[in-house]
């Protein structure tokens, strides 16, 4: 069993925020890979299914971003899994918009969702970093991250999310390099 977590904030007000890129990614994964129905569990919403040959539980914490670790920690404890079974999809300010990268461990780069998860476990989990671009000046970061995607960005966003879902079997197999390469190839069309 693998636990794949999408980070975001619950509620319609935040649905199209750049900060909700992780929620969008797991929703797309669930739809493309025909996951089961959503149920409320572990202080969040979960859907179960298979990606490639792997059994995957998709989790969207309902605790708001800053408390995501409560939901993630509860899920890992319930299934008696270590952080190496955890993959977190999150927005990444320091990547160009719609670029995707994967890394294991590392710092939080000021991301409160990642910080919360580390506080409820350890930091050696896999991170799928979904680029949202930097607004250019630190004074504009908060409004950029918590702002909605612009209409002009929606096609590129949909392409990125679709590419992540189509390449996900490589991620499920642990071939992070092939996953990232395939995402980039799919995006190039």
N, C-alpha and C. Protein backbone atom coordinates (compact mmCIF):
# COMPACT_ATOMS: atom_id res chain seq x y z
N UNK A 1 0.85 -1.19 0.00
CA UNK A 1 0.00 0.00 0.00
C UNK A 1 0.88 1.24 0.00
N UNK A 2 0.55 2.15 -0.88
CA UNK A 2 1.21 3.45 -0.92
C UNK A 2 0.17 4.51 -0.56
N UNK A 3 0.61 5.55 0.14
CA UNK A 3 -0.25 6.67 0.48
C UNK A 3 0.21 7.86 -0.35
N UNK A 4 -0.67 8.36 -1.21
CA UNK A 4 -0.38 9.53 -2.04
C UNK A 4 -1.26 10.66 -1.56
N UNK A 5 -0.65 11.73 -1.10
CA UNK A 5 -1.36 12.85 -0.49
C UNK A 5 -1.28 14.07 -1.40
N UNK A 6 -2.42 14.70 -1.60
CA UNK A 6 -2.45 15.98 -2.29
C UNK A 6 -2.66 17.06 -1.26
N UNK A 7 -1.82 18.09 -1.30
CA UNK A 7 -1.96 19.19 -0.34
C UNK A 7 -2.80 20.31 -0.93
N UNK A 8 -3.61 20.89 -0.06
CA UNK A 8 -4.47 22.00 -0.45
C UNK A 8 -5.29 22.45 0.74
N UNK A 9 -6.17 23.38 0.49
CA UNK A 9 -7.09 23.87 1.50
C UNK A 9 -8.50 23.47 1.08
N UNK A 10 -9.32 22.98 2.04
CA UNK A 10 -10.68 22.55 1.69
C UNK A 10 -11.60 23.74 1.44
N UNK A 11 -12.61 23.50 0.63
CA UNK A 11 -13.65 24.50 0.41
C UNK A 11 -13.59 25.14 -0.97
N UNK A 12 -14.75 25.55 -1.44
CA UNK A 12 -14.88 26.12 -2.78
C UNK A 12 -14.07 27.40 -2.94
N UNK A 13 -13.90 28.15 -1.87
CA UNK A 13 -13.15 29.41 -1.94
C UNK A 13 -11.72 29.19 -2.41
N UNK A 14 -11.15 28.03 -2.08
CA UNK A 14 -9.74 27.75 -2.39
C UNK A 14 -9.55 26.83 -3.60
N UNK A 15 -10.63 26.35 -4.17
CA UNK A 15 -10.57 25.27 -5.17
C UNK A 15 -9.59 25.53 -6.31
N UNK A 16 -9.51 26.75 -6.81
CA UNK A 16 -8.65 27.05 -7.95
C UNK A 16 -7.36 27.77 -7.57
N UNK A 17 -7.06 27.83 -6.27
CA UNK A 17 -5.81 28.45 -5.81
C UNK A 17 -4.60 27.65 -6.28
N UNK A 18 -3.50 28.34 -6.57
CA UNK A 18 -2.26 27.65 -6.90
C UNK A 18 -1.82 26.73 -5.75
N UNK A 19 -2.13 27.13 -4.53
CA UNK A 19 -1.77 26.35 -3.35
C UNK A 19 -2.51 25.01 -3.32
N UNK A 20 -3.54 24.85 -4.14
CA UNK A 20 -4.32 23.62 -4.19
C UNK A 20 -3.91 22.70 -5.33
N UNK A 21 -2.75 22.92 -5.91
CA UNK A 21 -2.29 22.08 -7.01
C UNK A 21 -2.22 20.61 -6.59
N UNK A 22 -1.88 20.33 -5.35
CA UNK A 22 -1.82 18.95 -4.87
C UNK A 22 -3.19 18.29 -4.84
N UNK A 23 -4.21 19.03 -4.39
CA UNK A 23 -5.58 18.51 -4.42
C UNK A 23 -5.97 18.19 -5.86
N UNK A 24 -5.67 19.13 -6.77
CA UNK A 24 -6.03 18.94 -8.18
C UNK A 24 -5.36 17.69 -8.75
N UNK A 25 -4.10 17.47 -8.37
CA UNK A 25 -3.36 16.31 -8.88
C UNK A 25 -4.00 15.00 -8.43
N UNK A 26 -4.34 14.87 -7.14
CA UNK A 26 -4.92 13.60 -6.70
C UNK A 26 -6.34 13.41 -7.24
N UNK A 27 -7.07 14.48 -7.44
CA UNK A 27 -8.40 14.35 -8.06
C UNK A 27 -8.26 13.82 -9.49
N UNK A 28 -7.28 14.34 -10.21
CA UNK A 28 -7.05 13.89 -11.59
C UNK A 28 -6.59 12.43 -11.60
N UNK A 29 -5.69 12.07 -10.70
CA UNK A 29 -5.24 10.68 -10.59
C UNK A 29 -6.43 9.75 -10.34
N UNK A 30 -7.31 10.13 -9.43
CA UNK A 30 -8.46 9.29 -9.10
C UNK A 30 -9.38 9.11 -10.31
N UNK A 31 -9.60 10.18 -11.04
CA UNK A 31 -10.48 10.11 -12.21
C UNK A 31 -9.87 9.28 -13.33
N UNK A 32 -8.61 9.54 -13.65
CA UNK A 32 -7.95 8.85 -14.77
C UNK A 32 -7.79 7.37 -14.49
N UNK A 33 -7.50 7.01 -13.24
CA UNK A 33 -7.24 5.62 -12.88
C UNK A 33 -8.46 4.93 -12.26
N UNK A 34 -9.63 5.58 -12.38
CA UNK A 34 -10.90 4.97 -12.00
C UNK A 34 -10.91 4.46 -10.55
N UNK A 35 -10.54 5.34 -9.62
CA UNK A 35 -10.52 4.99 -8.21
C UNK A 35 -11.95 4.88 -7.68
N UNK A 36 -12.08 4.24 -6.53
CA UNK A 36 -13.37 4.08 -5.87
C UNK A 36 -13.92 5.42 -5.38
N UNK A 37 -15.11 5.36 -4.76
CA UNK A 37 -15.76 6.58 -4.30
C UNK A 37 -15.00 7.24 -3.15
N UNK A 38 -15.23 8.53 -2.99
CA UNK A 38 -14.63 9.30 -1.91
C UNK A 38 -15.33 8.97 -0.60
N UNK A 39 -14.53 8.81 0.45
CA UNK A 39 -15.10 8.65 1.78
C UNK A 39 -14.31 9.52 2.76
N UNK A 40 -14.98 9.92 3.84
CA UNK A 40 -14.37 10.75 4.87
C UNK A 40 -13.67 9.84 5.85
N UNK A 41 -12.37 10.04 6.03
CA UNK A 41 -11.58 9.22 6.95
C UNK A 41 -10.26 9.93 7.21
N UNK A 42 -9.65 9.68 8.35
CA UNK A 42 -8.32 10.21 8.68
C UNK A 42 -8.27 11.75 8.60
N UNK A 43 -9.32 12.42 9.04
CA UNK A 43 -9.38 13.88 8.99
C UNK A 43 -9.21 14.39 7.56
N UNK A 44 -9.74 13.65 6.61
CA UNK A 44 -9.64 14.05 5.21
C UNK A 44 -10.57 13.23 4.35
N UNK A 45 -10.32 13.28 3.05
CA UNK A 45 -11.10 12.51 2.08
C UNK A 45 -10.16 11.52 1.42
N UNK A 46 -10.59 10.27 1.33
CA UNK A 46 -9.74 9.23 0.76
C UNK A 46 -10.48 8.52 -0.38
N UNK A 47 -9.67 8.02 -1.31
CA UNK A 47 -10.16 7.17 -2.40
C UNK A 47 -9.12 6.08 -2.60
N UNK A 48 -9.59 4.85 -2.80
CA UNK A 48 -8.67 3.73 -2.98
C UNK A 48 -8.74 3.21 -4.41
N UNK A 49 -7.60 2.72 -4.88
CA UNK A 49 -7.55 2.14 -6.21
C UNK A 49 -6.17 1.58 -6.51
N UNK A 50 -5.94 1.34 -7.79
CA UNK A 50 -4.66 0.79 -8.24
C UNK A 50 -4.10 1.68 -9.34
N UNK A 51 -2.80 1.86 -9.27
CA UNK A 51 -2.08 2.53 -10.35
C UNK A 51 -0.97 1.58 -10.75
N UNK A 52 -1.04 1.13 -12.00
CA UNK A 52 -0.15 0.05 -12.41
C UNK A 52 -0.48 -1.15 -11.54
N UNK A 53 0.51 -1.77 -10.98
CA UNK A 53 0.27 -2.91 -10.11
C UNK A 53 0.19 -2.55 -8.64
N UNK A 54 0.28 -1.25 -8.31
CA UNK A 54 0.36 -0.83 -6.91
C UNK A 54 -1.01 -0.43 -6.36
N UNK A 55 -1.25 -0.83 -5.13
CA UNK A 55 -2.44 -0.39 -4.39
C UNK A 55 -2.11 0.98 -3.80
N UNK A 56 -2.98 1.95 -4.09
CA UNK A 56 -2.72 3.33 -3.67
C UNK A 56 -3.94 3.90 -2.96
N UNK A 57 -3.69 4.57 -1.85
CA UNK A 57 -4.72 5.33 -1.15
C UNK A 57 -4.43 6.80 -1.42
N UNK A 58 -5.37 7.48 -2.04
CA UNK A 58 -5.24 8.92 -2.26
C UNK A 58 -5.89 9.64 -1.08
N UNK A 59 -5.20 10.64 -0.55
CA UNK A 59 -5.68 11.38 0.62
C UNK A 59 -5.61 12.87 0.35
N UNK A 60 -6.73 13.55 0.66
CA UNK A 60 -6.78 15.01 0.66
C UNK A 60 -7.12 15.44 2.09
N UNK A 61 -6.13 15.93 2.85
CA UNK A 61 -6.42 16.35 4.22
C UNK A 61 -7.47 17.46 4.26
N UNK A 62 -8.40 17.36 5.19
CA UNK A 62 -9.45 18.37 5.36
C UNK A 62 -9.08 19.34 6.48
N UNK A 63 -7.83 19.32 6.90
CA UNK A 63 -7.38 20.06 8.08
C UNK A 63 -6.82 21.44 7.76
N UNK A 64 -6.90 21.89 6.53
CA UNK A 64 -6.23 23.07 6.03
C UNK A 64 -4.73 22.80 5.98
N UNK A 65 -4.08 23.51 5.09
CA UNK A 65 -2.68 23.27 4.75
C UNK A 65 -1.77 23.18 5.97
N UNK A 66 -1.89 24.14 6.87
CA UNK A 66 -0.95 24.24 7.99
C UNK A 66 -1.05 23.07 8.97
N UNK A 67 -2.10 22.28 8.89
CA UNK A 67 -2.29 21.14 9.79
C UNK A 67 -2.37 19.81 9.03
N UNK A 68 -1.88 19.77 7.80
CA UNK A 68 -1.96 18.56 6.96
C UNK A 68 -1.32 17.36 7.63
N UNK A 69 -0.29 17.57 8.43
CA UNK A 69 0.42 16.48 9.08
C UNK A 69 -0.45 15.66 10.01
N UNK A 70 -1.47 16.27 10.60
CA UNK A 70 -2.37 15.50 11.49
C UNK A 70 -3.05 14.39 10.70
N UNK A 71 -3.59 14.73 9.55
CA UNK A 71 -4.28 13.76 8.71
C UNK A 71 -3.31 12.72 8.15
N UNK A 72 -2.17 13.16 7.67
CA UNK A 72 -1.18 12.25 7.09
C UNK A 72 -0.64 11.31 8.16
N UNK A 73 -0.31 11.84 9.34
CA UNK A 73 0.20 11.02 10.43
C UNK A 73 -0.80 9.96 10.87
N UNK A 74 -2.06 10.34 10.97
CA UNK A 74 -3.11 9.40 11.36
C UNK A 74 -3.21 8.27 10.33
N UNK A 75 -3.12 8.61 9.06
CA UNK A 75 -3.22 7.60 7.99
C UNK A 75 -2.06 6.62 8.05
N UNK A 76 -0.84 7.15 8.18
CA UNK A 76 0.34 6.28 8.24
C UNK A 76 0.29 5.37 9.46
N UNK A 77 -0.13 5.89 10.60
CA UNK A 77 -0.22 5.07 11.82
C UNK A 77 -1.27 3.96 11.65
N UNK A 78 -2.41 4.30 11.06
CA UNK A 78 -3.47 3.30 10.88
C UNK A 78 -2.98 2.12 10.04
N UNK A 79 -2.28 2.41 8.97
CA UNK A 79 -1.79 1.35 8.08
C UNK A 79 -0.42 0.81 8.50
N UNK A 80 0.14 1.35 9.59
CA UNK A 80 1.46 0.93 10.10
C UNK A 80 2.53 1.04 9.01
N UNK A 81 2.54 2.20 8.35
CA UNK A 81 3.49 2.45 7.26
C UNK A 81 4.50 3.50 7.67
N UNK A 82 5.70 3.39 7.12
CA UNK A 82 6.75 4.39 7.34
C UNK A 82 6.68 5.44 6.24
N UNK A 83 7.49 6.46 6.39
CA UNK A 83 7.45 7.57 5.43
C UNK A 83 7.87 7.16 4.02
N UNK A 84 8.54 6.02 3.86
CA UNK A 84 8.92 5.61 2.50
C UNK A 84 7.72 5.13 1.69
N UNK A 85 6.56 4.97 2.32
CA UNK A 85 5.33 4.62 1.59
C UNK A 85 4.53 5.86 1.21
N UNK A 86 5.06 7.04 1.55
CA UNK A 86 4.32 8.30 1.40
C UNK A 86 4.85 9.11 0.22
N UNK A 87 3.92 9.58 -0.61
CA UNK A 87 4.21 10.51 -1.69
C UNK A 87 3.30 11.71 -1.51
N UNK A 88 3.88 12.91 -1.51
CA UNK A 88 3.11 14.13 -1.31
C UNK A 88 3.18 15.00 -2.57
N UNK A 89 2.03 15.34 -3.10
CA UNK A 89 1.92 16.24 -4.26
C UNK A 89 1.64 17.64 -3.73
N UNK A 90 2.50 18.59 -4.11
CA UNK A 90 2.34 19.94 -3.57
C UNK A 90 2.80 21.00 -4.57
N UNK A 91 2.29 22.21 -4.37
CA UNK A 91 2.71 23.35 -5.17
C UNK A 91 4.14 23.73 -4.82
N UNK A 92 4.90 24.16 -5.83
CA UNK A 92 6.31 24.51 -5.62
C UNK A 92 6.59 25.88 -6.24
N UNK A 93 6.79 26.85 -5.38
CA UNK A 93 7.05 28.22 -5.77
C UNK A 93 8.36 28.37 -6.55
N UNK A 94 9.35 27.55 -6.24
CA UNK A 94 10.67 27.69 -6.84
C UNK A 94 10.86 26.91 -8.13
N UNK A 95 9.76 26.42 -8.71
CA UNK A 95 9.81 25.78 -10.03
C UNK A 95 8.98 26.62 -11.00
N UNK A 96 9.41 26.70 -12.25
CA UNK A 96 8.58 27.41 -13.23
C UNK A 96 7.18 26.80 -13.30
N UNK A 97 6.23 27.61 -13.65
CA UNK A 97 4.84 27.15 -13.71
C UNK A 97 4.72 25.91 -14.58
N UNK A 98 4.02 24.91 -14.06
CA UNK A 98 3.65 23.67 -14.75
C UNK A 98 4.80 22.69 -14.97
N UNK A 99 5.96 22.97 -14.39
CA UNK A 99 7.06 21.98 -14.40
C UNK A 99 6.84 21.02 -13.24
N UNK A 100 7.29 19.79 -13.41
CA UNK A 100 7.11 18.76 -12.37
C UNK A 100 8.47 18.15 -12.05
N UNK A 101 8.77 18.04 -10.78
CA UNK A 101 10.00 17.41 -10.32
C UNK A 101 9.67 16.52 -9.12
N UNK A 102 10.55 15.55 -8.87
CA UNK A 102 10.37 14.64 -7.74
C UNK A 102 11.65 14.63 -6.94
N UNK A 103 11.50 14.60 -5.63
CA UNK A 103 12.67 14.41 -4.76
C UNK A 103 12.22 13.69 -3.50
N UNK A 104 13.19 13.08 -2.85
CA UNK A 104 12.93 12.41 -1.57
C UNK A 104 13.64 13.21 -0.49
N UNK A 105 12.88 13.54 0.54
CA UNK A 105 13.44 14.31 1.64
C UNK A 105 13.73 15.74 1.23
N UNK A 106 14.54 16.39 2.05
CA UNK A 106 14.88 17.79 1.78
C UNK A 106 14.13 18.71 2.71
N UNK A 107 14.39 19.98 2.55
CA UNK A 107 13.76 20.99 3.40
C UNK A 107 12.33 21.27 2.96
N UNK A 108 11.69 22.18 3.68
CA UNK A 108 10.31 22.51 3.38
C UNK A 108 10.19 23.76 2.52
N UNK A 109 11.26 24.52 2.37
CA UNK A 109 11.27 25.75 1.57
C UNK A 109 10.11 26.68 1.97
N UNK A 110 9.78 26.69 3.25
CA UNK A 110 8.72 27.57 3.74
C UNK A 110 7.32 27.06 3.48
N UNK A 111 7.17 25.85 2.95
CA UNK A 111 5.84 25.30 2.65
C UNK A 111 5.25 24.74 3.94
N UNK A 112 4.18 25.36 4.42
CA UNK A 112 3.60 24.98 5.71
C UNK A 112 3.00 23.59 5.72
N UNK A 113 2.50 23.11 4.60
CA UNK A 113 1.97 21.75 4.53
C UNK A 113 3.07 20.73 4.73
N UNK A 114 4.20 20.93 4.06
CA UNK A 114 5.34 20.03 4.22
C UNK A 114 5.89 20.10 5.64
N UNK A 115 5.95 21.29 6.19
CA UNK A 115 6.44 21.47 7.56
C UNK A 115 5.56 20.69 8.54
N UNK A 116 4.25 20.76 8.37
CA UNK A 116 3.33 20.05 9.25
C UNK A 116 3.51 18.54 9.14
N UNK A 117 3.70 18.04 7.92
CA UNK A 117 3.90 16.60 7.74
C UNK A 117 5.19 16.16 8.43
N UNK A 118 6.24 16.94 8.30
CA UNK A 118 7.51 16.60 8.97
C UNK A 118 7.35 16.59 10.49
N UNK A 119 6.52 17.48 11.03
CA UNK A 119 6.30 17.53 12.47
C UNK A 119 5.57 16.29 12.99
N UNK A 120 4.85 15.60 12.10
CA UNK A 120 4.08 14.42 12.50
C UNK A 120 4.73 13.12 12.02
N UNK A 121 5.98 13.18 11.65
CA UNK A 121 6.71 12.00 11.18
C UNK A 121 8.14 12.39 10.91
N UNK A 122 8.67 11.91 9.81
CA UNK A 122 10.00 12.37 9.43
C UNK A 122 9.94 12.96 8.02
N UNK A 123 11.03 13.51 7.59
CA UNK A 123 11.05 14.21 6.31
C UNK A 123 11.47 13.38 5.12
N UNK A 124 11.64 12.08 5.30
CA UNK A 124 12.15 11.23 4.22
C UNK A 124 11.05 10.65 3.35
N UNK A 125 10.09 11.48 2.96
CA UNK A 125 9.03 11.03 2.07
C UNK A 125 9.26 11.63 0.68
N UNK A 126 8.62 11.00 -0.31
CA UNK A 126 8.77 11.47 -1.69
C UNK A 126 7.84 12.66 -1.92
N UNK A 127 8.37 13.64 -2.63
CA UNK A 127 7.62 14.86 -2.92
C UNK A 127 7.51 15.03 -4.42
N UNK A 128 6.30 15.17 -4.91
CA UNK A 128 6.08 15.51 -6.31
C UNK A 128 5.78 17.00 -6.32
N UNK A 129 6.75 17.75 -6.82
CA UNK A 129 6.73 19.21 -6.78
C UNK A 129 6.09 19.73 -8.06
N UNK A 130 4.97 20.42 -7.92
CA UNK A 130 4.20 20.94 -9.04
C UNK A 130 4.45 22.45 -9.13
N UNK A 131 5.20 22.85 -10.15
CA UNK A 131 5.62 24.25 -10.26
C UNK A 131 4.47 25.22 -10.43
N UNK A 132 4.53 26.30 -9.64
CA UNK A 132 3.55 27.38 -9.78
C UNK A 132 4.24 28.70 -10.15
N UNK A 133 5.58 28.67 -10.25
CA UNK A 133 6.32 29.88 -10.60
C UNK A 133 6.38 30.86 -9.44
N UNK A 134 7.35 31.73 -9.49
CA UNK A 134 7.55 32.76 -8.46
C UNK A 134 7.08 34.09 -9.03
N UNK A 135 6.38 34.89 -8.24
CA UNK A 135 5.86 36.16 -8.76
C UNK A 135 6.94 37.23 -8.97
N UNK A 136 8.17 36.95 -8.56
CA UNK A 136 9.26 37.90 -8.80
C UNK A 136 9.71 38.67 -7.57
N UNK A 137 8.84 38.95 -6.65
CA UNK A 137 9.22 39.68 -5.45
C UNK A 137 8.56 39.02 -4.24
N UNK A 138 9.31 38.93 -3.14
CA UNK A 138 8.81 38.23 -1.96
C UNK A 138 7.54 38.84 -1.39
N UNK A 139 7.30 40.13 -1.60
CA UNK A 139 6.09 40.77 -1.10
C UNK A 139 4.83 40.27 -1.82
N UNK A 140 5.00 39.66 -2.99
CA UNK A 140 3.85 39.19 -3.77
C UNK A 140 3.63 37.69 -3.65
N UNK A 141 4.45 37.00 -2.85
CA UNK A 141 4.37 35.54 -2.76
C UNK A 141 3.02 35.07 -2.23
N UNK A 142 2.57 35.62 -1.11
CA UNK A 142 1.33 35.15 -0.50
C UNK A 142 0.14 35.30 -1.43
N UNK A 143 0.01 36.46 -2.05
CA UNK A 143 -1.14 36.65 -2.95
C UNK A 143 -1.02 35.77 -4.19
N UNK A 144 0.21 35.47 -4.62
CA UNK A 144 0.40 34.58 -5.77
C UNK A 144 0.00 33.15 -5.41
N UNK A 145 0.52 32.65 -4.30
CA UNK A 145 0.25 31.27 -3.88
C UNK A 145 -1.23 31.07 -3.60
N UNK A 146 -1.85 32.02 -2.91
CA UNK A 146 -3.26 31.90 -2.54
C UNK A 146 -4.21 32.45 -3.61
N UNK A 147 -3.64 32.90 -4.72
CA UNK A 147 -4.46 33.39 -5.83
C UNK A 147 -4.89 32.24 -6.73
N UNK A 148 -5.96 32.47 -7.46
CA UNK A 148 -6.45 31.48 -8.41
C UNK A 148 -5.58 31.45 -9.65
N UNK A 149 -5.55 30.29 -10.30
CA UNK A 149 -4.92 30.21 -11.61
C UNK A 149 -5.66 31.15 -12.55
N UNK A 150 -4.93 31.85 -13.39
CA UNK A 150 -5.54 32.73 -14.39
C UNK A 150 -6.15 31.89 -15.50
N UNK A 151 -7.14 32.44 -16.18
CA UNK A 151 -7.78 31.72 -17.29
C UNK A 151 -6.75 31.32 -18.34
N UNK A 152 -5.75 32.16 -18.56
CA UNK A 152 -4.72 31.86 -19.56
C UNK A 152 -3.84 30.67 -19.16
N UNK A 153 -3.86 30.29 -17.89
CA UNK A 153 -3.04 29.17 -17.40
C UNK A 153 -3.78 27.84 -17.40
N UNK A 154 -5.09 27.83 -17.59
CA UNK A 154 -5.86 26.62 -17.35
C UNK A 154 -5.52 25.49 -18.33
N UNK A 155 -5.23 25.81 -19.58
CA UNK A 155 -4.86 24.74 -20.52
C UNK A 155 -3.55 24.09 -20.11
N UNK A 156 -2.55 24.90 -19.74
CA UNK A 156 -1.26 24.34 -19.30
C UNK A 156 -1.41 23.56 -18.00
N UNK A 157 -2.27 24.05 -17.11
CA UNK A 157 -2.53 23.34 -15.86
C UNK A 157 -3.16 21.98 -16.14
N UNK A 158 -4.18 21.95 -17.00
CA UNK A 158 -4.84 20.69 -17.34
C UNK A 158 -3.87 19.72 -18.00
N UNK A 159 -2.99 20.24 -18.86
CA UNK A 159 -1.98 19.39 -19.51
C UNK A 159 -1.04 18.80 -18.47
N UNK A 160 -0.58 19.63 -17.52
CA UNK A 160 0.32 19.13 -16.48
C UNK A 160 -0.35 18.05 -15.65
N UNK A 161 -1.58 18.30 -15.20
CA UNK A 161 -2.28 17.33 -14.36
C UNK A 161 -2.54 16.03 -15.12
N UNK A 162 -2.92 16.14 -16.38
CA UNK A 162 -3.13 14.95 -17.20
C UNK A 162 -1.84 14.16 -17.40
N UNK A 163 -0.74 14.88 -17.60
CA UNK A 163 0.56 14.22 -17.78
C UNK A 163 0.98 13.49 -16.51
N UNK A 164 0.76 14.10 -15.37
CA UNK A 164 1.08 13.46 -14.08
C UNK A 164 0.28 12.17 -13.94
N UNK A 165 -1.00 12.22 -14.27
CA UNK A 165 -1.85 11.03 -14.14
C UNK A 165 -1.43 9.94 -15.13
N UNK A 166 -1.12 10.31 -16.37
CA UNK A 166 -0.74 9.30 -17.37
C UNK A 166 0.60 8.65 -17.05
N UNK A 167 1.53 9.42 -16.46
CA UNK A 167 2.85 8.88 -16.14
C UNK A 167 2.91 8.24 -14.76
N UNK A 168 1.83 8.31 -14.00
CA UNK A 168 1.80 7.84 -12.61
C UNK A 168 2.22 6.38 -12.41
N UNK A 169 1.98 5.45 -13.36
CA UNK A 169 2.45 4.09 -13.12
C UNK A 169 3.95 4.01 -12.86
N UNK A 170 4.73 4.88 -13.48
CA UNK A 170 6.18 4.89 -13.21
C UNK A 170 6.46 5.31 -11.78
N UNK A 171 5.69 6.29 -11.30
CA UNK A 171 5.84 6.74 -9.92
C UNK A 171 5.48 5.61 -8.96
N UNK A 172 4.42 4.88 -9.26
CA UNK A 172 3.98 3.77 -8.42
C UNK A 172 5.04 2.67 -8.36
N UNK A 173 5.81 2.51 -9.45
CA UNK A 173 6.87 1.50 -9.49
C UNK A 173 8.16 2.00 -8.84
N UNK A 174 8.21 3.27 -8.48
CA UNK A 174 9.41 3.83 -7.87
C UNK A 174 10.43 4.35 -8.87
N UNK A 175 10.04 4.46 -10.13
CA UNK A 175 10.94 4.98 -11.16
C UNK A 175 10.66 6.47 -11.35
N UNK A 176 11.17 7.27 -10.40
CA UNK A 176 10.91 8.70 -10.38
C UNK A 176 11.47 9.41 -11.62
N UNK A 177 12.64 8.97 -12.09
CA UNK A 177 13.26 9.60 -13.25
C UNK A 177 12.39 9.39 -14.49
N UNK A 178 11.95 8.17 -14.70
CA UNK A 178 11.09 7.89 -15.86
C UNK A 178 9.78 8.66 -15.76
N UNK A 179 9.23 8.76 -14.56
CA UNK A 179 8.01 9.54 -14.34
C UNK A 179 8.20 10.98 -14.79
N UNK A 180 9.25 11.64 -14.30
CA UNK A 180 9.49 13.04 -14.65
C UNK A 180 9.73 13.20 -16.15
N UNK A 181 10.50 12.30 -16.73
CA UNK A 181 10.76 12.36 -18.18
C UNK A 181 9.48 12.21 -18.99
N UNK A 182 8.64 11.24 -18.60
CA UNK A 182 7.39 11.03 -19.32
C UNK A 182 6.43 12.22 -19.17
N UNK A 183 6.38 12.80 -17.98
CA UNK A 183 5.54 13.99 -17.79
C UNK A 183 5.98 15.08 -18.76
N UNK A 184 7.28 15.32 -18.84
CA UNK A 184 7.80 16.37 -19.74
C UNK A 184 7.48 16.04 -21.19
N UNK A 185 7.63 14.80 -21.60
CA UNK A 185 7.34 14.40 -22.99
C UNK A 185 5.85 14.58 -23.31
N UNK A 186 5.00 14.18 -22.39
CA UNK A 186 3.55 14.33 -22.60
C UNK A 186 3.20 15.81 -22.71
N UNK A 187 3.79 16.64 -21.87
CA UNK A 187 3.50 18.07 -21.89
C UNK A 187 3.93 18.72 -23.22
N UNK A 188 5.01 18.20 -23.80
CA UNK A 188 5.49 18.74 -25.07
C UNK A 188 4.59 18.35 -26.23
N UNK A 189 3.79 17.30 -26.00
CA UNK A 189 2.77 16.89 -26.91
C UNK A 189 3.21 16.21 -28.14
